Amino acid sequence: MKLLQIINLHTSFFTHIGEVKAVRGISLELSHGGVLGIVGESGCGKSVSMLSVTGLLAETGKITEGQVIFEDRDITKYTDKQMARLRGNEISMIFQDPMTSLNPLLSIGSQLTEHLIKHKRVTRGEARKRALDMLRLVGIPDAEKRINQYPHEFSGGMRQRAMIAASLICRPKLIIADEPTTALDVTIQAQILDLMKDLRARLDTSIILITHDLGVVADICSRVAVMYGGLIVELGPARDIFYHSRHPYTLGLMKSVPNPRTKSAAKEKLKPIDGQPPDLFKPPPGCPFAPRCDYAMKICLRAPSPFYKISEEHDSACFLNDRNASVTAPWGKEGQS
């Protein structure tokens, strides 16, 4: 049984100047214990898709079509009260900036114990004991002292650990981490990633990681979904996405970061992706990446590409994977079907 299934999800924001079609029909699956990375540039729909799953969209946001199935339950039909019982208990979210996500007026202990008291109905004494155990588990030293401190008394890395502790304290089945290492230096980033991998192994928790950092994806994710213009353009095992990319946008992402494995890495110039993302007030009728793609064909501008099966677990939404394509793909004819 799949833990999470997202089926043809459409999410829009209704503003005074029109409808922003932020997510335009994505489908994903996550198994128990799996780690899925969602990557793409800012504005591609990564965070909005997961806020749709957790029911945390802004007032102007609405799921207009599709389903989110969590353990055979269609949670898109849940009421606000039902979602409130689900969030923090079975599905937790680690937000991008712990300083703005933690309440500066409440102690760290209060913010951890409130989850347990609300969802598990334990006594305050038992909740405090579990909160101390969780702070120790995420590597916060002197937990007995730290539990009474406030967020401003923690460093950035410690605040992020506290956020992880809060998300894990009810032993959720799914954690959604939205750019959990963005504001941290590289040393602390590595510690947080090691911590997440260790806790996943210990607690058998599934993780969805939203990020633009391909290094983070390579370190922790087993599967990767590449998003662009509110759509998933490529989906597959992390190794296939990194070493056998079958979409020009994915290839562009790979070329825009340095590769320390190459001998000439110090001399190589990074190649940015020219152009601008699509206007999601008026999404293009074809592939959203076509105007920026060096390999675009006429059909790419007229119609969205279906998913082509590259391998049993690897799919790409690009017409270049069609054996009848009039343009030779940058990866040649290999893997076309």
Protein backbone atom coordinates (compact mmCIF):
# COMPACT_ATOMS: atom_id res chain seq x y z
CA MET A 1 0.00 0.00 0.00
CA LYS A 2 1.29 3.46 -0.91
CA LEU A 3 1.59 5.98 1.90
CA LEU A 4 0.76 8.97 -0.30
CA GLN A 5 -0.75 9.31 -3.77
CA ILE A 6 -1.23 12.65 -5.50
CA ILE A 7 -3.48 12.28 -8.52
CA ASN A 8 -3.81 15.02 -11.17
CA LEU A 9 -3.54 17.81 -8.59
CA HIS A 10 -4.46 21.33 -9.72
CA THR A 11 -4.06 24.27 -7.33
CA SER A 12 -4.82 27.90 -8.15
CA PHE A 13 -4.68 31.25 -6.38
CA PHE A 14 -7.57 33.59 -7.10
CA THR A 15 -6.37 37.19 -6.97
CA HIS A 16 -7.88 40.55 -7.87
CA ILE A 17 -6.06 40.45 -11.23
CA GLY A 18 -6.86 36.86 -12.13
CA GLU A 19 -6.24 33.19 -11.48
CA VAL A 20 -2.68 32.01 -10.90
CA LYS A 21 -2.49 28.35 -11.94
CA ALA A 22 0.36 27.41 -9.62
CA VAL A 23 0.04 23.61 -9.88
CA ARG A 24 -1.38 22.28 -13.16
CA GLY A 25 -1.94 18.55 -12.84
CA ILE A 26 0.81 16.69 -11.00
CA SER A 27 0.76 13.03 -9.98
CA LEU A 28 3.14 11.48 -7.45
CA GLU A 29 3.43 8.40 -5.27
CA LEU A 30 5.41 7.81 -2.09
CA SER A 31 5.90 4.46 -0.41
CA HIS A 32 6.37 3.82 3.30
CA GLY A 33 9.92 4.72 4.32
CA GLY A 34 10.67 6.42 0.98
CA VAL A 35 12.47 9.74 0.46
CA LEU A 36 11.25 11.85 -2.46
CA GLY A 37 12.96 15.05 -3.57
CA ILE A 38 11.05 17.77 -5.43
CA VAL A 39 13.37 20.16 -7.27
CA GLY A 40 13.00 23.14 -9.56
CA GLU A 41 13.53 26.89 -9.65
CA SER A 42 11.55 29.34 -7.53
CA GLY A 43 7.90 29.63 -8.54
CA CYS A 44 7.65 26.21 -10.20
CA GLY A 45 5.03 24.94 -7.73
CA LYS A 46 7.13 22.83 -5.33
CA SER A 47 5.94 24.36 -2.07
CA VAL A 48 2.38 25.02 -3.25
CA SER A 49 1.91 21.35 -4.15
CA MET A 50 2.91 20.27 -0.64
CA LEU A 51 0.91 23.03 1.06
CA SER A 52 -2.03 21.60 -0.88
CA VAL A 53 -1.32 18.20 0.66
CA THR A 54 -1.25 19.60 4.20
CA GLY A 55 -4.20 21.95 3.74
CA LEU A 56 -2.10 25.03 4.57
CA LEU A 57 -2.85 27.11 1.49
CA ALA A 58 -3.49 30.82 1.87
CA GLU A 59 -7.11 31.97 1.80
CA THR A 60 -6.85 32.77 -1.89
CA GLY A 61 -5.53 29.28 -2.70
CA LYS A 62 -7.77 26.37 -3.67
CA ILE A 63 -7.43 22.85 -4.99
CA THR A 64 -9.51 23.00 -8.16
CA GLU A 65 -9.08 19.41 -9.32
CA GLY A 66 -7.48 16.11 -8.33
CA GLN A 67 -7.05 13.99 -5.24
CA VAL A 68 -4.58 13.54 -2.39
CA ILE A 69 -4.81 10.00 -1.02
CA PHE A 70 -3.09 9.38 2.32
CA GLU A 71 -3.22 5.73 3.38
CA ASP A 72 -6.34 5.10 1.29
CA ARG A 73 -8.05 8.23 2.66
CA ASP A 74 -8.97 11.06 0.28
CA ILE A 75 -7.85 13.97 2.44
CA THR A 76 -8.89 16.55 -0.15
CA LYS A 77 -12.42 15.93 1.17
CA TYR A 78 -11.42 16.49 4.80
CA THR A 79 -12.89 19.34 6.82
CA ASP A 80 -10.63 21.86 8.58
CA LYS A 81 -11.08 19.95 11.87
CA GLN A 82 -10.12 16.66 10.26
CA MET A 83 -7.02 18.24 8.70
CA ALA A 84 -6.07 19.76 12.04
CA ARG A 85 -6.14 16.28 13.59
CA LEU A 86 -3.98 14.95 10.74
CA ARG A 87 -1.37 17.73 10.68
CA GLY A 88 1.38 17.34 13.24
CA ASN A 89 0.11 13.89 14.11
CA GLU A 90 0.38 11.80 10.93
CA ILE A 91 1.79 14.44 8.55
CA SER A 92 4.28 17.06 9.73
CA MET A 93 5.98 19.91 7.91
CA ILE A 94 9.39 21.47 8.50
CA PHE A 95 9.28 25.02 7.21
CA GLN A 96 12.06 26.93 5.48
CA ASP A 97 12.89 29.50 8.16
CA PRO A 98 12.78 28.22 11.76
CA MET A 99 13.08 31.73 13.20
CA THR A 100 9.78 32.78 11.67
CA SER A 101 8.14 29.37 12.13
CA LEU A 102 8.84 29.07 15.85
CA ASN A 103 6.81 31.31 18.16
CA PRO A 104 9.24 33.79 19.77
CA LEU A 105 6.94 34.25 22.78
CA LEU A 106 6.86 30.56 23.77
CA SER A 107 9.65 28.41 25.11
CA ILE A 108 10.94 25.54 22.99
CA GLY A 109 9.46 23.11 25.53
CA SER A 110 5.99 24.66 25.25
CA GLN A 111 6.07 24.40 21.45
CA LEU A 112 7.05 20.73 21.60
CA THR A 113 4.63 19.63 24.32
CA GLU A 114 1.57 21.30 22.78
CA HIS A 115 1.68 18.80 19.89
CA LEU A 116 1.63 15.83 22.26
CA ILE A 117 -1.05 17.23 24.53
CA LYS A 118 -3.27 18.02 21.53
CA HIS A 119 -2.80 14.83 19.50
CA LYS A 120 -1.79 12.13 22.00
CA ARG A 121 -3.69 13.39 25.05
CA VAL A 122 -0.85 12.76 27.49
CA THR A 123 -0.24 14.57 30.78
CA ARG A 124 2.04 17.61 30.86
CA GLY A 125 4.61 15.63 32.82
CA GLU A 126 4.70 12.84 30.22
CA ALA A 127 4.74 15.38 27.39
CA ARG A 128 7.76 17.15 28.93
CA LYS A 129 9.59 13.84 29.34
CA ARG A 130 8.99 12.96 25.68
CA ALA A 131 10.05 16.46 24.60
CA LEU A 132 13.36 16.06 26.47
CA ASP A 133 13.91 12.68 24.81
CA MET A 134 13.23 14.19 21.39
CA LEU A 135 15.61 17.11 21.96
CA ARG A 136 18.33 14.63 22.86
CA LEU A 137 17.47 12.52 19.82
CA VAL A 138 18.01 15.46 17.46
CA GLY A 139 21.35 16.24 19.06
CA ILE A 140 20.58 19.28 21.23
CA PRO A 141 22.99 19.23 24.21
CA ASP A 142 21.93 20.02 27.78
CA ALA A 143 18.28 19.37 26.92
CA GLU A 144 17.09 20.02 30.50
CA LYS A 145 18.29 23.61 30.21
CA ARG A 146 17.46 24.15 26.56
CA ILE A 147 13.84 23.05 26.89
CA ASN A 148 13.08 26.18 28.94
CA GLN A 149 14.81 28.58 26.54
CA TYR A 150 13.26 30.65 23.75
CA PRO A 151 14.00 30.50 19.99
CA HIS A 152 16.19 33.64 20.04
CA GLU A 153 18.54 31.87 22.47
CA PHE A 154 19.22 29.13 19.89
CA SER A 155 21.62 29.31 16.95
CA GLY A 156 20.28 28.78 13.41
CA GLY A 157 21.28 25.13 13.39
CA MET A 158 19.81 24.55 16.85
CA ARG A 159 16.53 26.18 15.83
CA GLN A 160 16.34 23.90 12.82
CA ARG A 161 16.95 20.90 15.09
CA ALA A 162 14.18 22.13 17.37
CA MET A 163 11.86 22.39 14.35
CA ILE A 164 12.72 18.82 13.40
CA ALA A 165 12.08 17.71 16.98
CA ALA A 166 8.65 19.40 16.90
CA SER A 167 7.78 17.73 13.60
CA LEU A 168 8.82 14.27 14.85
CA ILE A 169 7.52 14.32 18.39
CA CYS A 170 4.19 12.66 17.49
CA ARG A 171 6.00 10.06 15.34
CA PRO A 172 4.31 11.07 12.06
CA LYS A 173 4.26 8.75 9.06
CA LEU A 174 5.23 11.55 6.66
CA ILE A 175 7.49 14.59 7.04
CA ILE A 176 7.46 17.32 4.40
CA ALA A 177 10.65 19.38 4.64
CA ASP A 178 10.54 22.69 2.75
CA GLU A 179 14.10 23.89 2.10
CA PRO A 180 15.23 22.71 5.58
CA THR A 181 18.90 23.69 5.08
CA THR A 182 18.65 26.93 3.08
CA ALA A 183 19.57 29.36 5.87
CA LEU A 184 22.37 27.20 7.30
CA ASP A 185 26.09 27.11 6.58
CA VAL A 186 27.46 24.03 4.82
CA THR A 187 28.74 22.35 8.01
CA ILE A 188 25.38 22.62 9.74
CA GLN A 189 23.62 21.57 6.51
CA ALA A 190 25.57 18.31 6.53
CA GLN A 191 24.67 17.72 10.18
CA ILE A 192 20.97 18.33 9.56
CA LEU A 193 20.95 15.97 6.55
CA ASP A 194 22.74 13.26 8.54
CA LEU A 195 20.21 13.77 11.31
CA MET A 196 17.25 13.40 8.93
CA LYS A 197 18.70 10.22 7.42
CA ASP A 198 19.35 8.77 10.88
CA LEU A 199 15.86 9.60 12.17
CA ARG A 200 14.22 8.17 9.05
CA ALA A 201 16.06 4.90 9.63
CA ARG A 202 15.19 4.83 13.33
CA LEU A 203 11.56 5.88 13.09
CA ASP A 204 10.70 4.53 9.59
CA THR A 205 9.31 7.92 8.61
CA SER A 206 8.78 8.85 4.97
CA ILE A 207 10.19 12.19 3.78
CA ILE A 208 9.34 14.61 0.98
CA LEU A 209 12.16 17.11 0.56
CA ILE A 210 11.48 20.37 -1.29
CA THR A 211 14.69 22.03 -2.41
CA HIS A 212 16.59 23.77 -5.18
CA ASP A 213 19.90 22.36 -3.89
CA LEU A 214 20.83 19.39 -6.06
CA GLY A 215 23.60 18.43 -3.64
CA VAL A 216 21.04 17.93 -0.88
CA VAL A 217 18.92 15.80 -3.23
CA ALA A 218 21.87 13.59 -4.16
CA ASP A 219 22.70 13.06 -0.50
CA ILE A 220 19.35 11.94 0.85
CA CYS A 221 16.69 11.25 -1.83
CA SER A 222 15.98 7.91 -3.47
CA ARG A 223 13.54 9.36 -6.03
CA VAL A 224 13.34 12.82 -7.59
CA ALA A 225 10.55 14.81 -9.23
CA VAL A 226 11.65 17.77 -11.36
CA MET A 227 9.03 20.55 -11.56
CA TYR A 228 8.74 23.43 -13.98
CA GLY A 229 5.85 25.80 -14.67
CA GLY A 230 3.49 24.00 -12.29
CA LEU A 231 4.14 20.59 -13.91
CA ILE A 232 6.35 17.60 -13.27
CA VAL A 233 8.64 17.32 -16.29
CA GLU A 234 10.76 14.37 -15.16
CA LEU A 235 10.42 11.72 -12.47
CA GLY A 236 12.63 8.81 -11.54
CA PRO A 237 15.31 7.34 -9.28
CA ALA A 238 17.88 9.91 -8.17
CA ARG A 239 20.69 8.17 -10.04
CA ASP A 240 18.76 8.25 -13.32
CA ILE A 241 17.85 11.91 -12.89
CA PHE A 242 21.47 12.88 -12.22
CA TYR A 243 23.28 10.67 -14.71
CA HIS A 244 20.66 9.85 -17.38
CA SER A 245 18.51 13.00 -17.56
CA ARG A 246 15.94 12.89 -20.34
CA HIS A 247 14.53 16.41 -20.23
CA PRO A 248 16.34 19.60 -21.38
CA TYR A 249 15.30 21.45 -18.22
CA THR A 250 16.82 18.77 -15.99
CA LEU A 251 19.99 18.89 -18.08
CA GLY A 252 20.01 22.67 -17.68
CA LEU A 253 19.80 22.34 -13.91
CA MET A 254 22.72 19.91 -13.91
CA LYS A 255 24.86 22.24 -16.04
CA SER A 256 24.14 25.22 -13.81
CA VAL A 257 25.95 23.73 -10.80
CA PRO A 258 29.69 22.94 -10.57
CA ASN A 259 30.79 19.32 -10.87
CA PRO A 260 33.83 18.78 -8.61
CA ARG A 261 34.42 15.33 -10.12
CA THR A 262 35.64 16.72 -13.44
CA LYS A 263 39.35 17.54 -13.74
CA SER A 264 38.64 20.89 -15.34
CA ALA A 265 35.95 21.90 -12.82
CA ALA A 266 37.89 25.00 -11.73
CA LYS A 267 38.11 26.27 -15.34
CA GLU A 268 34.63 25.31 -16.51
CA LYS A 269 32.06 28.08 -16.77
CA LEU A 270 28.62 27.40 -15.40
CA LYS A 271 25.89 27.57 -18.03
CA PRO A 272 22.75 29.38 -16.84
CA ILE A 273 19.35 28.70 -18.37
CA ASP A 274 18.50 31.75 -20.47
CA GLY A 275 15.03 33.27 -20.49
CA GLN A 276 12.25 33.61 -17.93
CA PRO A 277 9.79 31.15 -16.32
CA PRO A 278 6.27 31.04 -17.80
CA ASP A 279 3.52 33.41 -16.72
CA LEU A 280 1.15 31.22 -14.69
CA PHE A 281 -1.66 33.74 -15.11
CA LYS A 282 -1.66 32.58 -18.74
CA PRO A 283 0.18 29.26 -18.92
CA PRO A 284 1.41 28.29 -22.38
CA PRO A 285 -0.58 25.63 -24.29
CA GLY A 286 2.52 23.51 -24.91
CA CYS A 287 5.59 22.58 -22.91
CA PRO A 288 6.24 25.40 -20.41
CA PHE A 289 9.99 25.10 -20.99
CA ALA A 290 9.79 25.32 -24.81
CA PRO A 291 10.56 29.08 -25.09
CA ARG A 292 13.84 28.53 -23.19
CA CYS A 293 14.74 25.20 -24.80
CA ASP A 294 17.48 24.95 -27.45
CA TYR A 295 15.89 21.77 -28.80
CA ALA A 296 12.23 22.86 -28.99
CA MET A 297 10.16 21.68 -31.96
CA LYS A 298 6.93 23.20 -33.30
CA ILE A 299 4.82 20.63 -31.48
CA CYS A 300 6.43 21.64 -28.17
CA LEU A 301 4.79 25.08 -28.48
CA ARG A 302 1.36 23.69 -29.40
CA ALA A 303 0.72 20.80 -27.03
CA PRO A 304 1.98 19.46 -23.69
CA SER A 305 4.16 16.40 -23.98
CA PRO A 306 2.91 13.08 -22.63
CA PHE A 307 5.18 11.11 -20.30
CA TYR A 308 7.59 8.83 -22.10
CA LYS A 309 8.75 5.68 -20.35
CA ILE A 310 12.55 5.81 -20.24
CA SER A 311 12.81 2.81 -17.95
CA GLU A 312 10.54 0.98 -15.55
CA GLU A 313 10.82 3.77 -12.93
CA HIS A 314 11.95 6.73 -15.04
CA ASP A 315 9.52 9.00 -16.92
CA SER A 316 10.07 12.18 -18.91
CA ALA A 317 7.54 14.64 -20.34
CA CYS A 318 9.50 15.65 -23.45
CA PHE A 319 8.73 15.06 -27.13
CA LEU A 320 12.46 14.55 -27.78
CA ASN A 321 12.02 11.08 -26.29
CA ASP A 322 9.75 10.11 -29.17
CA ARG A 323 11.51 7.95 -31.76
CA ASN A 324 9.91 10.10 -34.49
CA ALA A 325 11.25 13.40 -33.09
CA SER A 326 12.58 15.67 -35.84
CA VAL A 327 15.34 17.06 -33.60
CA THR A 328 18.14 14.98 -32.11
CA ALA A 329 18.06 15.21 -28.32
CA PRO A 330 21.21 16.19 -26.41
CA TRP A 331 21.36 12.62 -25.10
CA GLY A 332 21.12 11.17 -28.61
CA LYS A 333 18.67 8.39 -29.43
CA GLU A 334 19.46 6.43 -26.30
CA GLY A 335 16.45 5.59 -24.17
CA GLN A 336 13.85 6.87 -26.62
CA SER A 337 10.60 4.95 -26.87
